Amino acid sequence: MPKTKILIADDHRVVIEGIKSTLREYQEFEVAGEALNGREAVKLAESLMPKIVITDISMPDLNGLDTTLQIKKISSDIRIIIYTMYSDREFIIDLFKAGISAYVLKEDPISELILAIKAVNGGGTYFSTMAPTILLRHIKTLEEGNIEENIFKILSLREREVFQLLAEGNSTKNIAHKLCISPKTVESHKYNIMAKLDLESIADLIRLAIRKKIIPL
């Protein structure tokens, strides 16, 4: 029987090694690739075409949500498992909309992740016990008509890429190189981002990125 190809994306090598070590006990799975940032994960997903991608939310270059959206553009058949320490409502709702198949917290036993992988491999879904509670609260909020706008709704996918790279301290030239666009286009995106989010400086942008957990403190 062919093995199920899995791509692991996490900016902490110890997490990747921990998952790999656990998966060695299961002959039906094969770790086909490893990525230390979101952009690398997207490139590997396109070249390796794994069945399952395990990814974190907070990663350099490209966060987990935008990584998910870009991988789903490559192939809607690739199944995404979010493996993270974050249980924020904002992330969970947007990730559900992006089409993830599983959401597991790193504080849970590693056996939870294995259950998620098996469920997803069989065509199902798997969510940490806190996810249904988050969704119920979201439904209640919808009924009350009190949805708070967030960065993922306000900015386009490309603007979010530029936003994260700016927050990580990249220069206009570096961002242009990473995204294969002109410096002038980067400056245009930067202007739009600052206007849409009502920010006055890059320092304000960085503080927002930290508050939204798009970059670590």
N, C-alpha and C. Protein backbone atom coordinates (compact mmCIF):
# COMPACT_ATOMS: atom_id res chain seq x y z
N MET A 1 0.84 -1.20 0.00
CA MET A 1 0.00 0.00 0.00
C MET A 1 0.88 1.25 0.00
N PRO A 2 0.57 2.25 -0.85
CA PRO A 2 1.34 3.50 -0.86
C PRO A 2 1.14 4.25 0.46
N LYS A 3 2.21 4.89 0.91
CA LYS A 3 2.13 5.63 2.16
C LYS A 3 1.51 7.01 1.92
N THR A 4 0.87 7.54 2.97
CA THR A 4 0.30 8.88 2.92
C THR A 4 1.41 9.91 3.13
N LYS A 5 1.59 10.81 2.15
CA LYS A 5 2.64 11.82 2.25
C LYS A 5 2.19 12.98 3.13
N ILE A 6 3.05 13.35 4.06
CA ILE A 6 2.76 14.44 5.00
C ILE A 6 3.85 15.49 4.93
N LEU A 7 3.46 16.75 4.89
CA LEU A 7 4.37 17.88 4.95
C LEU A 7 4.19 18.56 6.30
N ILE A 8 5.29 18.78 7.02
CA ILE A 8 5.23 19.43 8.33
C ILE A 8 5.84 20.82 8.23
N ALA A 9 5.10 21.84 8.69
CA ALA A 9 5.59 23.22 8.66
C ALA A 9 5.51 23.82 10.06
N ASP A 10 6.66 24.17 10.60
CA ASP A 10 6.71 24.80 11.92
C ASP A 10 8.06 25.49 12.04
N ASP A 11 8.09 26.66 12.65
CA ASP A 11 9.35 27.39 12.75
C ASP A 11 10.21 26.93 13.92
N HIS A 12 9.77 25.89 14.62
CA HIS A 12 10.57 25.31 15.69
C HIS A 12 10.97 23.89 15.29
N ARG A 13 12.26 23.70 15.07
CA ARG A 13 12.77 22.40 14.64
C ARG A 13 12.40 21.29 15.60
N VAL A 14 12.36 21.60 16.91
CA VAL A 14 12.05 20.57 17.90
C VAL A 14 10.64 20.03 17.72
N VAL A 15 9.71 20.88 17.28
CA VAL A 15 8.33 20.43 17.03
C VAL A 15 8.31 19.47 15.84
N ILE A 16 9.00 19.85 14.77
CA ILE A 16 9.06 18.99 13.58
C ILE A 16 9.65 17.63 13.94
N GLU A 17 10.76 17.64 14.69
CA GLU A 17 11.41 16.38 15.06
C GLU A 17 10.51 15.53 15.95
N GLY A 18 9.75 16.19 16.83
CA GLY A 18 8.84 15.46 17.70
C GLY A 18 7.74 14.76 16.93
N ILE A 19 7.18 15.45 15.93
CA ILE A 19 6.14 14.86 15.10
C ILE A 19 6.71 13.71 14.28
N LYS A 20 7.88 13.93 13.69
CA LYS A 20 8.53 12.89 12.88
C LYS A 20 8.80 11.64 13.72
N SER A 21 9.29 11.85 14.93
CA SER A 21 9.60 10.72 15.81
C SER A 21 8.35 9.90 16.11
N THR A 22 7.26 10.58 16.37
CA THR A 22 6.00 9.89 16.66
C THR A 22 5.48 9.15 15.43
N LEU A 23 5.58 9.77 14.26
CA LEU A 23 5.05 9.17 13.03
C LEU A 23 5.83 7.94 12.59
N ARG A 24 7.06 7.79 13.07
CA ARG A 24 7.86 6.61 12.70
C ARG A 24 7.20 5.32 13.17
N GLU A 25 6.32 5.43 14.15
CA GLU A 25 5.63 4.24 14.66
C GLU A 25 4.47 3.83 13.76
N TYR A 26 4.16 4.63 12.75
CA TYR A 26 3.01 4.35 11.89
C TYR A 26 3.48 4.21 10.45
N GLN A 27 3.52 2.96 9.98
CA GLN A 27 4.08 2.67 8.66
C GLN A 27 3.26 3.25 7.51
N GLU A 28 2.01 3.59 7.78
CA GLU A 28 1.15 4.10 6.70
C GLU A 28 1.45 5.56 6.35
N PHE A 29 2.27 6.22 7.18
CA PHE A 29 2.56 7.64 6.96
C PHE A 29 4.03 7.87 6.59
N GLU A 30 4.26 8.85 5.75
CA GLU A 30 5.61 9.21 5.34
C GLU A 30 5.77 10.73 5.38
N VAL A 31 6.77 11.21 6.12
CA VAL A 31 7.06 12.65 6.14
C VAL A 31 7.83 12.98 4.87
N ALA A 32 7.14 13.61 3.92
CA ALA A 32 7.73 13.88 2.60
C ALA A 32 8.52 15.18 2.57
N GLY A 33 8.23 16.10 3.51
CA GLY A 33 8.92 17.38 3.49
C GLY A 33 8.77 18.13 4.80
N GLU A 34 9.69 19.08 5.02
CA GLU A 34 9.68 19.91 6.22
C GLU A 34 9.90 21.36 5.83
N ALA A 35 9.18 22.26 6.46
CA ALA A 35 9.32 23.69 6.18
C ALA A 35 9.41 24.45 7.49
N LEU A 36 10.27 25.49 7.51
CA LEU A 36 10.46 26.29 8.71
C LEU A 36 9.73 27.63 8.64
N ASN A 37 9.05 27.90 7.51
CA ASN A 37 8.22 29.10 7.40
C ASN A 37 7.08 28.84 6.41
N GLY A 38 6.11 29.73 6.42
CA GLY A 38 4.92 29.53 5.61
C GLY A 38 5.17 29.54 4.11
N ARG A 39 6.04 30.44 3.67
CA ARG A 39 6.30 30.53 2.22
C ARG A 39 6.98 29.26 1.70
N GLU A 40 7.90 28.73 2.50
CA GLU A 40 8.56 27.47 2.13
C GLU A 40 7.54 26.33 2.09
N ALA A 41 6.59 26.34 3.01
CA ALA A 41 5.56 25.32 3.05
C ALA A 41 4.72 25.32 1.77
N VAL A 42 4.38 26.52 1.29
CA VAL A 42 3.59 26.63 0.06
C VAL A 42 4.37 26.07 -1.12
N LYS A 43 5.65 26.42 -1.22
CA LYS A 43 6.48 25.93 -2.33
C LYS A 43 6.62 24.42 -2.29
N LEU A 44 6.81 23.85 -1.09
CA LEU A 44 6.95 22.40 -0.97
C LEU A 44 5.63 21.70 -1.25
N ALA A 45 4.53 22.31 -0.84
CA ALA A 45 3.22 21.72 -1.13
C ALA A 45 2.99 21.61 -2.63
N GLU A 46 3.44 22.63 -3.35
CA GLU A 46 3.26 22.64 -4.80
C GLU A 46 4.14 21.59 -5.49
N SER A 47 5.35 21.39 -4.98
CA SER A 47 6.25 20.43 -5.62
C SER A 47 6.03 18.99 -5.16
N LEU A 48 5.67 18.81 -3.88
CA LEU A 48 5.52 17.46 -3.33
C LEU A 48 4.10 16.92 -3.43
N MET A 49 3.12 17.82 -3.47
CA MET A 49 1.70 17.46 -3.49
C MET A 49 1.37 16.43 -2.40
N PRO A 50 1.61 16.77 -1.13
CA PRO A 50 1.29 15.84 -0.05
C PRO A 50 -0.22 15.72 0.12
N LYS A 51 -0.63 14.67 0.77
CA LYS A 51 -2.06 14.53 1.07
C LYS A 51 -2.43 15.39 2.27
N ILE A 52 -1.48 15.51 3.23
CA ILE A 52 -1.73 16.22 4.48
C ILE A 52 -0.61 17.23 4.75
N VAL A 53 -0.99 18.42 5.18
CA VAL A 53 -0.02 19.42 5.64
C VAL A 53 -0.34 19.74 7.10
N ILE A 54 0.67 19.60 7.95
CA ILE A 54 0.54 19.99 9.36
C ILE A 54 1.26 21.32 9.52
N THR A 55 0.57 22.35 9.96
CA THR A 55 1.19 23.68 10.04
C THR A 55 0.76 24.43 11.29
N ASP A 56 1.62 25.32 11.73
CA ASP A 56 1.32 26.19 12.86
C ASP A 56 0.62 27.45 12.35
N ILE A 57 0.16 28.30 13.25
CA ILE A 57 -0.45 29.57 12.87
C ILE A 57 0.60 30.66 12.76
N SER A 58 1.40 30.82 13.80
CA SER A 58 2.41 31.88 13.84
C SER A 58 3.72 31.36 13.26
N MET A 59 4.04 31.81 12.04
CA MET A 59 5.27 31.39 11.36
C MET A 59 5.88 32.58 10.62
N PRO A 60 7.20 32.56 10.42
CA PRO A 60 7.84 33.65 9.68
C PRO A 60 7.41 33.68 8.22
N ASP A 61 7.53 34.84 7.61
CA ASP A 61 7.28 35.06 6.17
C ASP A 61 5.81 34.98 5.77
N LEU A 62 5.10 33.96 6.25
CA LEU A 62 3.69 33.79 5.89
C LEU A 62 3.00 33.05 7.02
N ASN A 63 1.96 33.67 7.59
CA ASN A 63 1.29 33.04 8.74
C ASN A 63 0.46 31.82 8.30
N GLY A 64 0.00 31.06 9.29
CA GLY A 64 -0.70 29.81 9.01
C GLY A 64 -1.98 29.95 8.21
N LEU A 65 -2.72 31.03 8.45
CA LEU A 65 -3.96 31.22 7.70
C LEU A 65 -3.68 31.46 6.23
N ASP A 66 -2.75 32.36 5.93
CA ASP A 66 -2.45 32.65 4.54
C ASP A 66 -1.72 31.49 3.86
N THR A 67 -0.95 30.74 4.64
CA THR A 67 -0.35 29.52 4.12
C THR A 67 -1.44 28.54 3.69
N THR A 68 -2.45 28.39 4.54
CA THR A 68 -3.57 27.51 4.23
C THR A 68 -4.29 27.95 2.96
N LEU A 69 -4.57 29.24 2.85
CA LEU A 69 -5.29 29.75 1.69
C LEU A 69 -4.50 29.51 0.40
N GLN A 70 -3.18 29.72 0.46
CA GLN A 70 -2.37 29.53 -0.74
C GLN A 70 -2.22 28.06 -1.11
N ILE A 71 -2.11 27.18 -0.12
CA ILE A 71 -2.03 25.74 -0.41
C ILE A 71 -3.34 25.24 -0.99
N LYS A 72 -4.45 25.75 -0.48
CA LYS A 72 -5.76 25.35 -1.00
C LYS A 72 -5.94 25.80 -2.45
N LYS A 73 -5.27 26.89 -2.83
CA LYS A 73 -5.31 27.33 -4.23
C LYS A 73 -4.54 26.36 -5.11
N ILE A 74 -3.47 25.78 -4.58
CA ILE A 74 -2.68 24.80 -5.32
C ILE A 74 -3.52 23.55 -5.58
N SER A 75 -4.17 23.07 -4.53
CA SER A 75 -5.06 21.90 -4.65
C SER A 75 -6.01 21.88 -3.47
N SER A 76 -7.28 21.88 -3.77
CA SER A 76 -8.29 21.83 -2.70
C SER A 76 -8.32 20.46 -2.03
N ASP A 77 -7.64 19.47 -2.64
CA ASP A 77 -7.62 18.12 -2.07
C ASP A 77 -6.60 17.97 -0.95
N ILE A 78 -5.65 18.90 -0.87
CA ILE A 78 -4.66 18.82 0.22
C ILE A 78 -5.35 19.14 1.54
N ARG A 79 -5.19 18.27 2.50
CA ARG A 79 -5.86 18.43 3.78
C ARG A 79 -4.92 19.15 4.76
N ILE A 80 -5.46 20.14 5.45
CA ILE A 80 -4.65 20.97 6.35
C ILE A 80 -4.99 20.67 7.80
N ILE A 81 -3.95 20.37 8.58
CA ILE A 81 -4.10 20.22 10.03
C ILE A 81 -3.36 21.38 10.70
N ILE A 82 -4.06 22.15 11.50
CA ILE A 82 -3.44 23.22 12.27
C ILE A 82 -3.00 22.66 13.62
N TYR A 83 -1.71 22.81 13.91
CA TYR A 83 -1.14 22.32 15.17
C TYR A 83 -0.47 23.51 15.84
N THR A 84 -1.11 24.04 16.87
CA THR A 84 -0.72 25.34 17.39
C THR A 84 -0.95 25.48 18.89
N MET A 85 -0.39 26.54 19.46
CA MET A 85 -0.65 26.85 20.87
C MET A 85 -1.79 27.86 21.01
N TYR A 86 -2.25 28.41 19.88
CA TYR A 86 -3.25 29.48 19.92
C TYR A 86 -4.67 28.94 19.79
N SER A 87 -5.56 29.45 20.64
CA SER A 87 -6.97 29.06 20.57
C SER A 87 -7.87 30.27 20.39
N ASP A 88 -7.34 31.33 19.79
CA ASP A 88 -8.10 32.57 19.60
C ASP A 88 -9.29 32.36 18.67
N ARG A 89 -10.43 32.91 19.04
CA ARG A 89 -11.64 32.79 18.21
C ARG A 89 -11.41 33.27 16.80
N GLU A 90 -10.72 34.40 16.69
CA GLU A 90 -10.49 35.02 15.39
C GLU A 90 -9.79 34.07 14.44
N PHE A 91 -8.77 33.36 14.93
CA PHE A 91 -8.02 32.43 14.10
C PHE A 91 -8.88 31.24 13.72
N ILE A 92 -9.56 30.66 14.68
CA ILE A 92 -10.32 29.44 14.43
C ILE A 92 -11.41 29.66 13.39
N ILE A 93 -12.15 30.75 13.51
CA ILE A 93 -13.22 31.03 12.56
C ILE A 93 -12.67 31.21 11.15
N ASP A 94 -11.60 32.00 11.02
CA ASP A 94 -11.02 32.25 9.69
C ASP A 94 -10.41 30.98 9.11
N LEU A 95 -9.84 30.14 9.94
CA LEU A 95 -9.26 28.89 9.46
C LEU A 95 -10.34 27.91 9.01
N PHE A 96 -11.45 27.88 9.73
CA PHE A 96 -12.59 27.07 9.30
C PHE A 96 -13.03 27.50 7.91
N LYS A 97 -13.14 28.81 7.73
CA LYS A 97 -13.56 29.35 6.43
C LYS A 97 -12.57 29.01 5.33
N ALA A 98 -11.28 28.94 5.71
CA ALA A 98 -10.23 28.66 4.73
C ALA A 98 -10.22 27.19 4.30
N GLY A 99 -10.89 26.34 5.07
CA GLY A 99 -11.03 24.94 4.66
C GLY A 99 -10.13 23.95 5.37
N ILE A 100 -9.70 24.27 6.61
CA ILE A 100 -8.87 23.30 7.33
C ILE A 100 -9.69 22.06 7.67
N SER A 101 -8.96 20.95 7.89
CA SER A 101 -9.63 19.69 8.22
C SER A 101 -9.48 19.31 9.69
N ALA A 102 -8.49 19.91 10.37
CA ALA A 102 -8.28 19.58 11.78
C ALA A 102 -7.60 20.73 12.50
N TYR A 103 -7.86 20.82 13.80
CA TYR A 103 -7.28 21.88 14.64
C TYR A 103 -6.91 21.24 15.97
N VAL A 104 -5.62 21.17 16.26
CA VAL A 104 -5.14 20.51 17.48
C VAL A 104 -4.22 21.46 18.23
N LEU A 105 -4.36 21.53 19.54
CA LEU A 105 -3.51 22.39 20.35
C LEU A 105 -2.23 21.64 20.77
N LYS A 106 -1.12 22.34 20.78
CA LYS A 106 0.15 21.73 21.16
C LYS A 106 0.17 21.31 22.63
N GLU A 107 -0.71 21.91 23.43
CA GLU A 107 -0.76 21.54 24.84
C GLU A 107 -1.45 20.20 25.04
N ASP A 108 -2.16 19.72 24.01
CA ASP A 108 -2.81 18.41 24.08
C ASP A 108 -1.76 17.31 23.94
N PRO A 109 -2.07 16.09 24.39
CA PRO A 109 -1.14 14.96 24.17
C PRO A 109 -0.90 14.77 22.67
N ILE A 110 0.31 14.29 22.32
CA ILE A 110 0.64 14.07 20.91
C ILE A 110 -0.31 13.06 20.27
N SER A 111 -0.92 12.22 21.11
CA SER A 111 -1.89 11.25 20.59
C SER A 111 -3.07 11.93 19.93
N GLU A 112 -3.39 13.17 20.37
CA GLU A 112 -4.47 13.94 19.74
C GLU A 112 -4.12 14.26 18.29
N LEU A 113 -2.86 14.60 18.05
CA LEU A 113 -2.43 14.89 16.69
C LEU A 113 -2.49 13.64 15.82
N ILE A 114 -2.12 12.50 16.36
CA ILE A 114 -2.19 11.25 15.60
C ILE A 114 -3.64 10.92 15.25
N LEU A 115 -4.54 11.12 16.20
CA LEU A 115 -5.96 10.90 15.93
C LEU A 115 -6.45 11.82 14.82
N ALA A 116 -5.98 13.07 14.83
CA ALA A 116 -6.34 14.03 13.80
C ALA A 116 -5.82 13.58 12.44
N ILE A 117 -4.57 13.14 12.39
CA ILE A 117 -3.98 12.68 11.12
C ILE A 117 -4.76 11.49 10.57
N LYS A 118 -5.09 10.55 11.42
CA LYS A 118 -5.85 9.37 10.97
C LYS A 118 -7.24 9.74 10.49
N ALA A 119 -7.89 10.66 11.21
CA ALA A 119 -9.23 11.09 10.81
C ALA A 119 -9.19 11.80 9.45
N VAL A 120 -8.24 12.70 9.30
CA VAL A 120 -8.11 13.46 8.05
C VAL A 120 -7.73 12.54 6.90
N ASN A 121 -6.85 11.59 7.16
CA ASN A 121 -6.43 10.64 6.12
C ASN A 121 -7.60 9.80 5.62
N GLY A 122 -8.56 9.58 6.51
CA GLY A 122 -9.74 8.81 6.14
C GLY A 122 -10.86 9.65 5.55
N GLY A 123 -10.59 10.94 5.35
CA GLY A 123 -11.59 11.81 4.75
C GLY A 123 -12.45 12.56 5.75
N GLY A 124 -12.11 12.43 7.04
CA GLY A 124 -12.91 13.09 8.06
C GLY A 124 -12.28 14.38 8.56
N THR A 125 -12.77 14.86 9.68
CA THR A 125 -12.25 16.07 10.32
C THR A 125 -11.99 15.77 11.79
N TYR A 126 -11.18 16.62 12.41
CA TYR A 126 -10.88 16.43 13.82
C TYR A 126 -10.56 17.79 14.43
N PHE A 127 -11.24 18.10 15.53
CA PHE A 127 -11.01 19.39 16.17
C PHE A 127 -10.86 19.23 17.68
N SER A 128 -9.91 19.97 18.21
CA SER A 128 -9.69 19.98 19.65
C SER A 128 -10.99 20.29 20.37
N THR A 129 -11.10 19.85 21.61
CA THR A 129 -12.36 19.99 22.34
C THR A 129 -12.82 21.43 22.50
N MET A 130 -11.85 22.40 22.39
CA MET A 130 -12.25 23.78 22.57
C MET A 130 -12.88 24.38 21.31
N ALA A 131 -12.65 23.78 20.15
CA ALA A 131 -13.14 24.35 18.89
C ALA A 131 -14.67 24.48 18.83
N PRO A 132 -15.43 23.43 19.20
CA PRO A 132 -16.89 23.57 19.17
C PRO A 132 -17.40 24.71 20.05
N THR A 133 -16.76 24.91 21.22
CA THR A 133 -17.16 26.01 22.11
C THR A 133 -16.93 27.35 21.44
N ILE A 134 -15.80 27.49 20.77
CA ILE A 134 -15.49 28.73 20.04
C ILE A 134 -16.53 28.98 18.97
N LEU A 135 -16.90 27.93 18.24
CA LEU A 135 -17.87 28.08 17.16
C LEU A 135 -19.25 28.46 17.69
N LEU A 136 -19.64 27.87 18.82
CA LEU A 136 -20.93 28.21 19.41
C LEU A 136 -20.96 29.68 19.83
N ARG A 137 -19.86 30.15 20.38
CA ARG A 137 -19.78 31.57 20.76
C ARG A 137 -19.86 32.46 19.52
N HIS A 138 -19.23 32.00 18.44
CA HIS A 138 -19.26 32.77 17.19
C HIS A 138 -20.69 32.87 16.65
N ILE A 139 -21.41 31.75 16.70
CA ILE A 139 -22.80 31.75 16.23
C ILE A 139 -23.64 32.72 17.06
N LYS A 140 -23.41 32.71 18.38
CA LYS A 140 -24.14 33.63 19.26
C LYS A 140 -23.82 35.08 18.90
N THR A 141 -22.55 35.35 18.62
CA THR A 141 -22.13 36.70 18.25
C THR A 141 -22.78 37.12 16.94
N LEU A 142 -22.86 36.17 16.00
CA LEU A 142 -23.52 36.46 14.71
C LEU A 142 -24.98 36.84 14.94
N GLU A 143 -25.63 36.09 15.82
CA GLU A 143 -27.04 36.36 16.11
C GLU A 143 -27.24 37.72 16.73
N GLU A 144 -26.23 38.15 17.51
CA GLU A 144 -26.31 39.46 18.15
C GLU A 144 -25.87 40.59 17.23
N GLY A 145 -25.36 40.21 16.06
CA GLY A 145 -24.95 41.21 15.07
C GLY A 145 -23.79 42.06 15.52
N ASN A 146 -22.85 41.43 16.26
CA ASN A 146 -21.72 42.20 16.79
C ASN A 146 -20.40 41.54 16.39
N ILE A 147 -20.08 41.60 15.10
CA ILE A 147 -18.86 41.00 14.60
C ILE A 147 -17.77 42.06 14.51
N GLU A 148 -16.68 41.84 15.22
CA GLU A 148 -15.56 42.79 15.19
C GLU A 148 -14.73 42.58 13.94
N GLU A 149 -14.49 43.65 13.20
CA GLU A 149 -13.65 43.55 12.02
C GLU A 149 -12.23 43.19 12.45
N ASN A 150 -11.54 42.41 11.63
CA ASN A 150 -10.16 42.09 11.94
C ASN A 150 -9.30 42.20 10.70
N ILE A 151 -8.02 42.08 10.91
CA ILE A 151 -7.06 42.29 9.83
C ILE A 151 -7.28 41.35 8.65
N PHE A 152 -7.76 40.13 8.93
CA PHE A 152 -7.94 39.17 7.86
C PHE A 152 -9.12 39.51 6.96
N LYS A 153 -10.05 40.31 7.47
CA LYS A 153 -11.18 40.74 6.65
C LYS A 153 -10.86 42.05 5.92
N ILE A 154 -10.11 42.91 6.57
CA ILE A 154 -9.86 44.24 6.02
C ILE A 154 -8.85 44.21 4.88
N LEU A 155 -7.79 43.40 5.02
CA LEU A 155 -6.71 43.38 4.03
C LEU A 155 -6.88 42.24 3.04
N SER A 156 -6.39 42.45 1.83
CA SER A 156 -6.37 41.38 0.83
C SER A 156 -5.25 40.40 1.18
N LEU A 157 -5.24 39.25 0.52
CA LEU A 157 -4.20 38.25 0.79
C LEU A 157 -2.81 38.83 0.53
N ARG A 158 -2.63 39.55 -0.56
CA ARG A 158 -1.33 40.14 -0.89
C ARG A 158 -0.95 41.21 0.15
N GLU A 159 -1.93 42.01 0.57
CA GLU A 159 -1.66 43.03 1.58
C GLU A 159 -1.25 42.40 2.90
N ARG A 160 -1.83 41.25 3.23
CA ARG A 160 -1.45 40.56 4.47
C ARG A 160 -0.03 40.03 4.38
N GLU A 161 0.37 39.57 3.19
CA GLU A 161 1.75 39.13 3.00
C GLU A 161 2.72 40.29 3.26
N VAL A 162 2.42 41.43 2.65
CA VAL A 162 3.27 42.61 2.82
C VAL A 162 3.24 43.06 4.28
N PHE A 163 2.08 43.06 4.90
CA PHE A 163 1.92 43.43 6.30
C PHE A 163 2.85 42.62 7.19
N GLN A 164 2.83 41.30 7.02
CA GLN A 164 3.66 40.44 7.87
C GLN A 164 5.14 40.69 7.62
N LEU A 165 5.53 40.82 6.36
CA LEU A 165 6.93 41.03 6.05
C LEU A 165 7.43 42.38 6.57
N LEU A 166 6.59 43.40 6.51
CA LEU A 166 6.94 44.70 7.09
C LEU A 166 7.11 44.58 8.60
N ALA A 167 6.19 43.87 9.24
CA ALA A 167 6.24 43.71 10.70
C ALA A 167 7.48 42.94 11.13
N GLU A 168 7.97 42.06 10.26
CA GLU A 168 9.17 41.28 10.57
C GLU A 168 10.45 42.05 10.30
N GLY A 169 10.31 43.30 9.83
CA GLY A 169 11.47 44.16 9.65
C GLY A 169 12.10 44.13 8.28
N ASN A 170 11.42 43.55 7.30
CA ASN A 170 11.96 43.50 5.95
C ASN A 170 11.89 44.87 5.28
N SER A 171 12.88 45.18 4.48
CA SER A 171 12.89 46.43 3.71
C SER A 171 12.00 46.28 2.48
N THR A 172 11.67 47.40 1.86
CA THR A 172 10.87 47.38 0.64
C THR A 172 11.54 46.52 -0.43
N LYS A 173 12.85 46.66 -0.56
CA LYS A 173 13.60 45.90 -1.55
C LYS A 173 13.52 44.39 -1.27
N ASN A 174 13.67 44.01 -0.01
CA ASN A 174 13.60 42.59 0.35
C ASN A 174 12.21 42.01 0.10
N ILE A 175 11.17 42.79 0.44
CA ILE A 175 9.79 42.33 0.22
C ILE A 175 9.53 42.16 -1.27
N ALA A 176 9.99 43.11 -2.06
CA ALA A 176 9.82 43.03 -3.51
C ALA A 176 10.46 41.75 -4.05
N HIS A 177 11.66 41.43 -3.54
CA HIS A 177 12.36 40.22 -3.98
C HIS A 177 11.61 38.96 -3.56
N LYS A 178 11.15 38.91 -2.30
CA LYS A 178 10.46 37.72 -1.80
C LYS A 178 9.16 37.46 -2.56
N LEU A 179 8.43 38.54 -2.90
CA LEU A 179 7.11 38.39 -3.52
C LEU A 179 7.15 38.51 -5.05
N CYS A 180 8.36 38.76 -5.58
CA CYS A 180 8.53 38.89 -7.04
C CYS A 180 7.65 40.01 -7.61
N ILE A 181 7.66 41.14 -6.92
CA ILE A 181 6.95 42.32 -7.39
C ILE A 181 7.91 43.51 -7.32
N SER A 182 7.51 44.65 -7.88
CA SER A 182 8.40 45.81 -7.90
C SER A 182 8.36 46.55 -6.56
N PRO A 183 9.43 47.25 -6.19
CA PRO A 183 9.43 48.06 -4.97
C PRO A 183 8.29 49.08 -4.96
N LYS A 184 7.96 49.61 -6.14
CA LYS A 184 6.86 50.58 -6.23
C LYS A 184 5.53 49.94 -5.82
N THR A 185 5.33 48.69 -6.24
CA THR A 185 4.11 47.97 -5.87
C THR A 185 4.08 47.72 -4.36
N VAL A 186 5.24 47.40 -3.80
CA VAL A 186 5.32 47.20 -2.35
C VAL A 186 4.92 48.47 -1.62
N GLU A 187 5.44 49.60 -2.07
CA GLU A 187 5.12 50.89 -1.45
C GLU A 187 3.62 51.18 -1.56
N SER A 188 3.03 50.81 -2.69
CA SER A 188 1.59 51.01 -2.87
C SER A 188 0.79 50.17 -1.88
N HIS A 189 1.20 48.91 -1.72
CA HIS A 189 0.54 48.03 -0.75
C HIS A 189 0.71 48.59 0.67
N LYS A 190 1.92 49.07 0.96
CA LYS A 190 2.20 49.62 2.28
C LYS A 190 1.29 50.81 2.58
N TYR A 191 1.13 51.68 1.60
CA TYR A 191 0.25 52.85 1.77
C TYR A 191 -1.18 52.40 2.05
N ASN A 192 -1.66 51.42 1.27
CA ASN A 192 -3.04 50.93 1.44
C ASN A 192 -3.23 50.28 2.81
N ILE A 193 -2.23 49.53 3.24
CA ILE A 193 -2.30 48.86 4.54
C ILE A 193 -2.41 49.89 5.66
N MET A 194 -1.55 50.90 5.62
CA MET A 194 -1.55 51.92 6.66
C MET A 194 -2.88 52.67 6.69
N ALA A 195 -3.43 52.92 5.50
CA ALA A 195 -4.70 53.65 5.41
C ALA A 195 -5.86 52.79 5.92
N LYS A 196 -5.92 51.54 5.47
CA LYS A 196 -7.03 50.66 5.86
C LYS A 196 -7.06 50.38 7.35
N LEU A 197 -5.86 50.25 7.95
CA LEU A 197 -5.78 49.92 9.37
C LEU A 197 -5.63 51.14 10.26
N ASP A 198 -5.63 52.33 9.64
CA ASP A 198 -5.53 53.59 10.37
C ASP A 198 -4.27 53.61 11.23
N LEU A 199 -3.14 53.26 10.62
CA LEU A 199 -1.86 53.23 11.31
C LEU A 199 -1.02 54.44 10.87
N GLU A 200 -0.26 54.97 11.81
CA GLU A 200 0.54 56.16 11.51
C GLU A 200 2.03 55.84 11.29
N SER A 201 2.47 54.68 11.74
CA SER A 201 3.90 54.37 11.62
C SER A 201 4.09 52.86 11.56
N ILE A 202 5.32 52.46 11.18
CA ILE A 202 5.67 51.03 11.17
C ILE A 202 5.64 50.48 12.59
N ALA A 203 5.98 51.31 13.55
CA ALA A 203 5.92 50.87 14.95
C ALA A 203 4.49 50.47 15.33
N ASP A 204 3.51 51.26 14.87
CA ASP A 204 2.11 50.91 15.11
C ASP A 204 1.77 49.58 14.43
N LEU A 205 2.30 49.41 13.22
CA LEU A 205 2.05 48.18 12.47
C LEU A 205 2.62 46.97 13.20
N ILE A 206 3.83 47.11 13.73
CA ILE A 206 4.47 46.01 14.45
C ILE A 206 3.68 45.66 15.71
N ARG A 207 3.24 46.70 16.43
CA ARG A 207 2.46 46.44 17.65
C ARG A 207 1.17 45.69 17.32
N LEU A 208 0.53 46.05 16.21
CA LEU A 208 -0.70 45.37 15.81
C LEU A 208 -0.41 43.92 15.44
N ALA A 209 0.68 43.70 14.73
CA ALA A 209 1.06 42.34 14.32
C ALA A 209 1.33 41.46 15.54
N ILE A 210 1.96 42.02 16.56
CA ILE A 210 2.21 41.27 17.79
C ILE A 210 0.90 40.98 18.52
N ARG A 211 0.04 42.00 18.58
CA ARG A 211 -1.24 41.83 19.27
C ARG A 211 -2.11 40.77 18.60
N LYS A 212 -2.03 40.69 17.27
CA LYS A 212 -2.81 39.72 16.51
C LYS A 212 -2.09 38.37 16.40
N LYS A 213 -0.89 38.28 17.02
CA LYS A 213 -0.08 37.05 17.04
C LYS A 213 0.36 36.64 15.64
N ILE A 214 0.46 37.61 14.72
CA ILE A 214 0.97 37.31 13.39
C ILE A 214 2.49 37.17 13.44
N ILE A 215 3.12 37.93 14.35
CA ILE A 215 4.54 37.72 14.63
C ILE A 215 4.68 37.55 16.13
N PRO A 216 5.70 36.78 16.58
CA PRO A 216 5.87 36.58 18.03
C PRO A 216 6.42 37.80 18.71
N LEU A 217 6.16 37.88 20.00
CA LEU A 217 6.68 39.00 20.82
C LEU A 217 8.18 38.87 20.99
